[in-house]
């Protein structure tokens, strides 16, 4: 199971055995940054296709 780590408006890093992904929303979400409470469904729908996801590679030992 991936382990997520949030960075507030800077995005979210999730790490799984076979991937490390950094996701950044196109705009700062309103409300509680922990995700507790009301959900802005319109923002969720916009983010579904506009969140930037980058494959993060761990540094390789030399």
PDB file of N, CA and C in Angstrom:
ATOM      1  N   UNK A   1       0.850  -1.184   0.000  1.00  0.00           N
ATOM      2  CA  UNK A   1       0.000   0.000   0.000  1.00  0.00           C
ATOM      3  C   UNK A   1       0.887   1.237   0.000  1.00  0.00           C
ATOM      4  N   UNK A   2       0.616   2.217  -0.890  1.00  0.00           N
ATOM      5  CA  UNK A   2       1.415   3.440  -0.920  1.00  0.00           C
ATOM      6  C   UNK A   2       1.325   4.211   0.376  1.00  0.00           C
ATOM      7  N   UNK A   3       2.418   4.879   0.727  1.00  0.00           N
ATOM      8  CA  UNK A   3       2.467   5.721   1.913  1.00  0.00           C
ATOM      9  C   UNK A   3       2.460   7.176   1.470  1.00  0.00           C
ATOM     10  N   UNK A   4       1.360   7.928   1.685  1.00  0.00           N
ATOM     11  CA  UNK A   4       1.325   9.329   1.261  1.00  0.00           C
ATOM     12  C   UNK A   4       1.939  10.254   2.303  1.00  0.00           C
ATOM     13  N   UNK A   5       2.525  11.339   1.842  1.00  0.00           N
ATOM     14  CA  UNK A   5       3.058  12.383   2.712  1.00  0.00           C
ATOM     15  C   UNK A   5       2.686  13.720   2.092  1.00  0.00           C
ATOM     16  N   UNK A   6       1.894  14.507   2.795  1.00  0.00           N
ATOM     17  CA  UNK A   6       1.441  15.781   2.267  1.00  0.00           C
ATOM     18  C   UNK A   6       2.429  16.902   2.504  1.00  0.00           C
ATOM     19  N   UNK A   7       2.387  17.868   1.611  1.00  0.00           N
ATOM     20  CA  UNK A   7       3.218  19.057   1.722  1.00  0.00           C
ATOM     21  C   UNK A   7       2.331  20.285   1.566  1.00  0.00           C
ATOM     22  N   UNK A   8       1.142  20.224   2.136  1.00  0.00           N
ATOM     23  CA  UNK A   8       0.208  21.340   2.052  1.00  0.00           C
ATOM     24  C   UNK A   8      -0.099  21.689   0.609  1.00  0.00           C
ATOM     25  N   UNK A   9      -0.092  22.989   0.290  1.00  0.00           N
ATOM     26  CA  UNK A   9      -0.410  23.392  -1.076  1.00  0.00           C
ATOM     27  C   UNK A   9       0.664  22.979  -2.080  1.00  0.00           C
ATOM     28  N   UNK A  10       1.825  22.529  -1.575  1.00  0.00           N
ATOM     29  CA  UNK A  10       2.902  22.093  -2.466  1.00  0.00           C
ATOM     30  C   UNK A  10       2.671  20.754  -3.105  1.00  0.00           C
ATOM     31  N   UNK A  11       1.700  20.000  -2.608  1.00  0.00           N
ATOM     32  CA  UNK A  11       1.389  18.727  -3.226  1.00  0.00           C
ATOM     33  C   UNK A  11       1.435  17.562  -2.271  1.00  0.00           C
ATOM     34  N   UNK A  12       1.507  16.367  -2.853  1.00  0.00           N
ATOM     35  CA  UNK A  12       1.473  15.123  -2.097  1.00  0.00           C
ATOM     36  C   UNK A  12       2.460  14.149  -2.720  1.00  0.00           C
ATOM     37  N   UNK A  13       3.286  13.553  -1.881  1.00  0.00           N
ATOM     38  CA  UNK A  13       4.219  12.521  -2.327  1.00  0.00           C
ATOM     39  C   UNK A  13       3.672  11.187  -1.852  1.00  0.00           C
ATOM     40  N   UNK A  14       3.598  10.221  -2.749  1.00  0.00           N
ATOM     41  CA  UNK A  14       3.209   8.879  -2.348  1.00  0.00           C
ATOM     42  C   UNK A  14       4.296   7.912  -2.796  1.00  0.00           C
ATOM     43  N   UNK A  15       4.632   6.995  -1.904  1.00  0.00           N
ATOM     44  CA  UNK A  15       5.727   6.059  -2.156  1.00  0.00           C
ATOM     45  C   UNK A  15       5.191   4.636  -2.047  1.00  0.00           C
ATOM     46  N   UNK A  16       5.410   3.856  -3.088  1.00  0.00           N
ATOM     47  CA  UNK A  16       5.047   2.450  -3.127  1.00  0.00           C
ATOM     48  C   UNK A  16       6.318   1.665  -3.483  1.00  0.00           C
ATOM     49  N   UNK A  17       6.309   0.363  -3.319  1.00  0.00           N
ATOM     50  CA  UNK A  17       7.518  -0.405  -3.632  1.00  0.00           C
ATOM     51  C   UNK A  17       8.031  -0.187  -5.056  1.00  0.00           C
ATOM     52  N   UNK A  18       7.130   0.088  -5.997  1.00  0.00           N
ATOM     53  CA  UNK A  18       7.562   0.205  -7.391  1.00  0.00           C
ATOM     54  C   UNK A  18       7.421   1.615  -7.970  1.00  0.00           C
ATOM     55  N   UNK A  19       7.068   2.604  -7.139  1.00  0.00           N
ATOM     56  CA  UNK A  19       6.884   3.963  -7.677  1.00  0.00           C
ATOM     57  C   UNK A  19       6.957   5.013  -6.588  1.00  0.00           C
ATOM     58  N   UNK A  20       7.383   6.193  -6.979  1.00  0.00           N
ATOM     59  CA  UNK A  20       7.344   7.383  -6.135  1.00  0.00           C
ATOM     60  C   UNK A  20       6.718   8.477  -6.991  1.00  0.00           C
ATOM     61  N   UNK A  21       5.570   8.985  -6.573  1.00  0.00           N
ATOM     62  CA  UNK A  21       4.845   9.962  -7.377  1.00  0.00           C
ATOM     63  C   UNK A  21       4.590  11.230  -6.579  1.00  0.00           C
ATOM     64  N   UNK A  22       4.772  12.382  -7.228  1.00  0.00           N
ATOM     65  CA  UNK A  22       4.508  13.685  -6.645  1.00  0.00           C
ATOM     66  C   UNK A  22       3.316  14.276  -7.382  1.00  0.00           C
ATOM     67  N   UNK A  23       2.243  14.584  -6.669  1.00  0.00           N
ATOM     68  CA  UNK A  23       1.038  15.146  -7.275  1.00  0.00           C
ATOM     69  C   UNK A  23       0.822  16.562  -6.758  1.00  0.00           C
ATOM     70  N   UNK A  24       0.575  17.499  -7.680  1.00  0.00           N
ATOM     71  CA  UNK A  24       0.375  18.901  -7.326  1.00  0.00           C
ATOM     72  C   UNK A  24      -0.947  19.379  -7.908  1.00  0.00           C
ATOM     73  N   UNK A  25      -1.833  19.931  -7.057  1.00  0.00           N
ATOM     74  CA  UNK A  25      -3.102  20.426  -7.574  1.00  0.00           C
ATOM     75  C   UNK A  25      -2.897  21.706  -8.389  1.00  0.00           C
ATOM     76  N   UNK A  26      -3.802  21.992  -9.331  1.00  0.00           N
ATOM     77  CA  UNK A  26      -3.673  23.177 -10.163  1.00  0.00           C
ATOM     78  C   UNK A  26      -3.976  24.471  -9.413  1.00  0.00           C
ATOM     79  N   UNK A  27      -4.610  24.346  -8.264  1.00  0.00           N
ATOM     80  CA  UNK A  27      -4.931  25.499  -7.433  1.00  0.00           C
ATOM     81  C   UNK A  27      -4.977  25.031  -5.987  1.00  0.00           C
ATOM     82  N   UNK A  28      -4.857  25.965  -5.070  1.00  0.00           N
ATOM     83  CA  UNK A  28      -4.911  25.591  -3.656  1.00  0.00           C
ATOM     84  C   UNK A  28      -6.351  25.247  -3.280  1.00  0.00           C
ATOM     85  N   UNK A  29      -6.575  24.043  -2.757  1.00  0.00           N
ATOM     86  CA  UNK A  29      -7.934  23.663  -2.364  1.00  0.00           C
ATOM     87  C   UNK A  29      -8.399  24.479  -1.159  1.00  0.00           C
ATOM     88  N   UNK A  30      -9.670  24.807  -1.110  1.00  0.00           N
ATOM     89  CA  UNK A  30     -10.247  25.507   0.028  1.00  0.00           C
ATOM     90  C   UNK A  30     -10.555  24.513   1.138  1.00  0.00           C
ATOM     91  N   UNK A  31     -10.621  24.994   2.351  1.00  0.00           N
ATOM     92  CA  UNK A  31     -11.046  24.153   3.465  1.00  0.00           C
ATOM     93  C   UNK A  31      -9.896  23.539   4.225  1.00  0.00           C
ATOM     94  N   UNK A  32     -10.214  22.539   5.004  1.00  0.00           N
ATOM     95  CA  UNK A  32      -9.269  21.862   5.884  1.00  0.00           C
ATOM     96  C   UNK A  32      -8.247  21.080   5.062  1.00  0.00           C
ATOM     97  N   UNK A  33      -6.934  21.397   5.207  1.00  0.00           N
ATOM     98  CA  UNK A  33      -5.928  20.713   4.394  1.00  0.00           C
ATOM     99  C   UNK A  33      -5.757  19.230   4.710  1.00  0.00           C
ATOM    100  N   UNK A  34      -6.319  18.781   5.838  1.00  0.00           N
ATOM    101  CA  UNK A  34      -6.218  17.358   6.172  1.00  0.00           C
ATOM    102  C   UNK A  34      -7.245  16.527   5.430  1.00  0.00           C
ATOM    103  N   UNK A  35      -8.210  17.204   4.816  1.00  0.00           N
ATOM    104  CA  UNK A  35      -9.266  16.476   4.118  1.00  0.00           C
ATOM    105  C   UNK A  35     -10.459  16.175   4.996  1.00  0.00           C
ATOM    106  N   UNK A  36     -10.380  16.581   6.272  1.00  0.00           N
ATOM    107  CA  UNK A  36     -11.509  16.364   7.178  1.00  0.00           C
ATOM    108  C   UNK A  36     -12.581  17.417   6.909  1.00  0.00           C
ATOM    109  N   UNK A  37     -13.814  17.036   7.038  1.00  0.00           N
ATOM    110  CA  UNK A  37     -14.901  18.001   6.875  1.00  0.00           C
ATOM    111  C   UNK A  37     -15.502  17.963   5.503  1.00  0.00           C
ATOM    112  N   UNK A  38     -16.111  19.072   5.119  1.00  0.00           N
ATOM    113  CA  UNK A  38     -16.830  19.162   3.859  1.00  0.00           C
ATOM    114  C   UNK A  38     -15.895  18.975   2.670  1.00  0.00           C
ATOM    115  N   UNK A  39     -16.419  18.366   1.630  1.00  0.00           N
ATOM    116  CA  UNK A  39     -15.655  18.126   0.405  1.00  0.00           C
ATOM    117  C   UNK A  39     -16.200  19.024  -0.693  1.00  0.00           C
ATOM    118  N   UNK A  40     -15.304  19.728  -1.381  1.00  0.00           N
ATOM    119  CA  UNK A  40     -15.686  20.565  -2.511  1.00  0.00           C
ATOM    120  C   UNK A  40     -15.722  19.656  -3.737  1.00  0.00           C
ATOM    121  N   UNK A  41     -16.897  19.136  -4.054  1.00  0.00           N
ATOM    122  CA  UNK A  41     -17.007  18.161  -5.148  1.00  0.00           C
ATOM    123  C   UNK A  41     -16.666  18.776  -6.500  1.00  0.00           C
ATOM    124  N   UNK A  42     -16.957  20.067  -6.683  1.00  0.00           N
ATOM    125  CA  UNK A  42     -16.609  20.719  -7.952  1.00  0.00           C
ATOM    126  C   UNK A  42     -15.089  20.766  -8.118  1.00  0.00           C
ATOM    127  N   UNK A  43     -14.370  21.082  -7.040  1.00  0.00           N
ATOM    128  CA  UNK A  43     -12.902  21.104  -7.100  1.00  0.00           C
ATOM    129  C   UNK A  43     -12.370  19.693  -7.349  1.00  0.00           C
ATOM    130  N   UNK A  44     -12.946  18.701  -6.702  1.00  0.00           N
ATOM    131  CA  UNK A  44     -12.512  17.314  -6.915  1.00  0.00           C
ATOM    132  C   UNK A  44     -12.650  16.923  -8.382  1.00  0.00           C
ATOM    133  N   UNK A  45     -13.741  17.328  -8.991  1.00  0.00           N
ATOM    134  CA  UNK A  45     -13.965  16.998 -10.403  1.00  0.00           C
ATOM    135  C   UNK A  45     -12.951  17.714 -11.296  1.00  0.00           C
ATOM    136  N   UNK A  46     -12.678  18.998 -11.006  1.00  0.00           N
ATOM    137  CA  UNK A  46     -11.674  19.738 -11.793  1.00  0.00           C
ATOM    138  C   UNK A  46     -10.290  19.111 -11.616  1.00  0.00           C
ATOM    139  N   UNK A  47      -9.948  18.777 -10.396  1.00  0.00           N
ATOM    140  CA  UNK A  47      -8.625  18.231 -10.100  1.00  0.00           C
ATOM    141  C   UNK A  47      -8.416  16.863 -10.748  1.00  0.00           C
ATOM    142  N   UNK A  48      -9.498  16.129 -10.919  1.00  0.00           N
ATOM    143  CA  UNK A  48      -9.397  14.765 -11.456  1.00  0.00           C
ATOM    144  C   UNK A  48      -8.628  14.719 -12.767  1.00  0.00           C
ATOM    145  N   UNK A  49      -8.756  15.747 -13.577  1.00  0.00           N
ATOM    146  CA  UNK A  49      -8.078  15.749 -14.876  1.00  0.00           C
ATOM    147  C   UNK A  49      -6.989  16.808 -14.996  1.00  0.00           C
ATOM    148  N   UNK A  50      -6.743  17.595 -13.929  1.00  0.00           N
ATOM    149  CA  UNK A  50      -5.763  18.678 -14.042  1.00  0.00           C
ATOM    150  C   UNK A  50      -4.628  18.610 -13.035  1.00  0.00           C
ATOM    151  N   UNK A  51      -4.646  17.650 -12.140  1.00  0.00           N
ATOM    152  CA  UNK A  51      -3.544  17.498 -11.185  1.00  0.00           C
ATOM    153  C   UNK A  51      -2.294  17.062 -11.952  1.00  0.00           C
ATOM    154  N   UNK A  52      -1.173  17.712 -11.658  1.00  0.00           N
ATOM    155  CA  UNK A  52       0.100  17.345 -12.274  1.00  0.00           C
ATOM    156  C   UNK A  52       0.727  16.219 -11.456  1.00  0.00           C
ATOM    157  N   UNK A  53       1.109  15.125 -12.109  1.00  0.00           N
ATOM    158  CA  UNK A  53       1.748  13.998 -11.433  1.00  0.00           C
ATOM    159  C   UNK A  53       3.110  13.768 -12.066  1.00  0.00           C
ATOM    160  N   UNK A  54       4.127  13.708 -11.220  1.00  0.00           N
ATOM    161  CA  UNK A  54       5.504  13.527 -11.687  1.00  0.00           C
ATOM    162  C   UNK A  54       6.102  12.277 -11.047  1.00  0.00           C
ATOM    163  N   UNK A  55       6.777  11.487 -11.838  1.00  0.00           N
ATOM    164  CA  UNK A  55       7.486  10.312 -11.336  1.00  0.00           C
ATOM    165  C   UNK A  55       8.773  10.796 -10.684  1.00  0.00           C
ATOM    166  N   UNK A  56       8.951  10.514  -9.408  1.00  0.00           N
ATOM    167  CA  UNK A  56      10.126  10.957  -8.662  1.00  0.00           C
ATOM    168  C   UNK A  56      11.094   9.777  -8.554  1.00  0.00           C
ATOM    169  N   UNK A  57      12.295   9.991  -9.010  1.00  0.00           N
ATOM    170  CA  UNK A  57      13.306   8.936  -8.929  1.00  0.00           C
ATOM    171  C   UNK A  57      14.203   9.181  -7.724  1.00  0.00           C
ATOM    172  N   UNK A  58      14.406   8.147  -6.953  1.00  0.00           N
ATOM    173  CA  UNK A  58      15.299   8.255  -5.800  1.00  0.00           C
ATOM    174  C   UNK A  58      16.739   8.386  -6.291  1.00  0.00           C
ATOM    175  N   UNK A  59      17.560   9.123  -5.543  1.00  0.00           N
ATOM    176  CA  UNK A  59      18.974   9.225  -5.937  1.00  0.00           C
ATOM    177  C   UNK A  59      19.618   7.831  -5.969  1.00  0.00           C
ATOM    178  N   UNK A  60      20.435   7.612  -6.938  1.00  0.00           N
ATOM    179  CA  UNK A  60      21.126   6.328  -7.057  1.00  0.00           C
ATOM    180  C   UNK A  60      22.504   6.420  -6.411  1.00  0.00           C
ATOM    181  N   UNK A  61      22.877   5.435  -5.604  1.00  0.00           N
ATOM    182  CA  UNK A  61      24.213   5.462  -5.001  1.00  0.00           C
ATOM    183  C   UNK A  61      25.298   5.319  -6.076  1.00  0.00           C
ATOM    184  N   UNK A  62      26.400   5.968  -5.878  1.00  0.00           N
ATOM    185  CA  UNK A  62      27.506   5.917  -6.852  1.00  0.00           C
ATOM    186  C   UNK A  62      28.580   4.962  -6.394  1.00  0.00           C
TER     187      UNK A  62
END
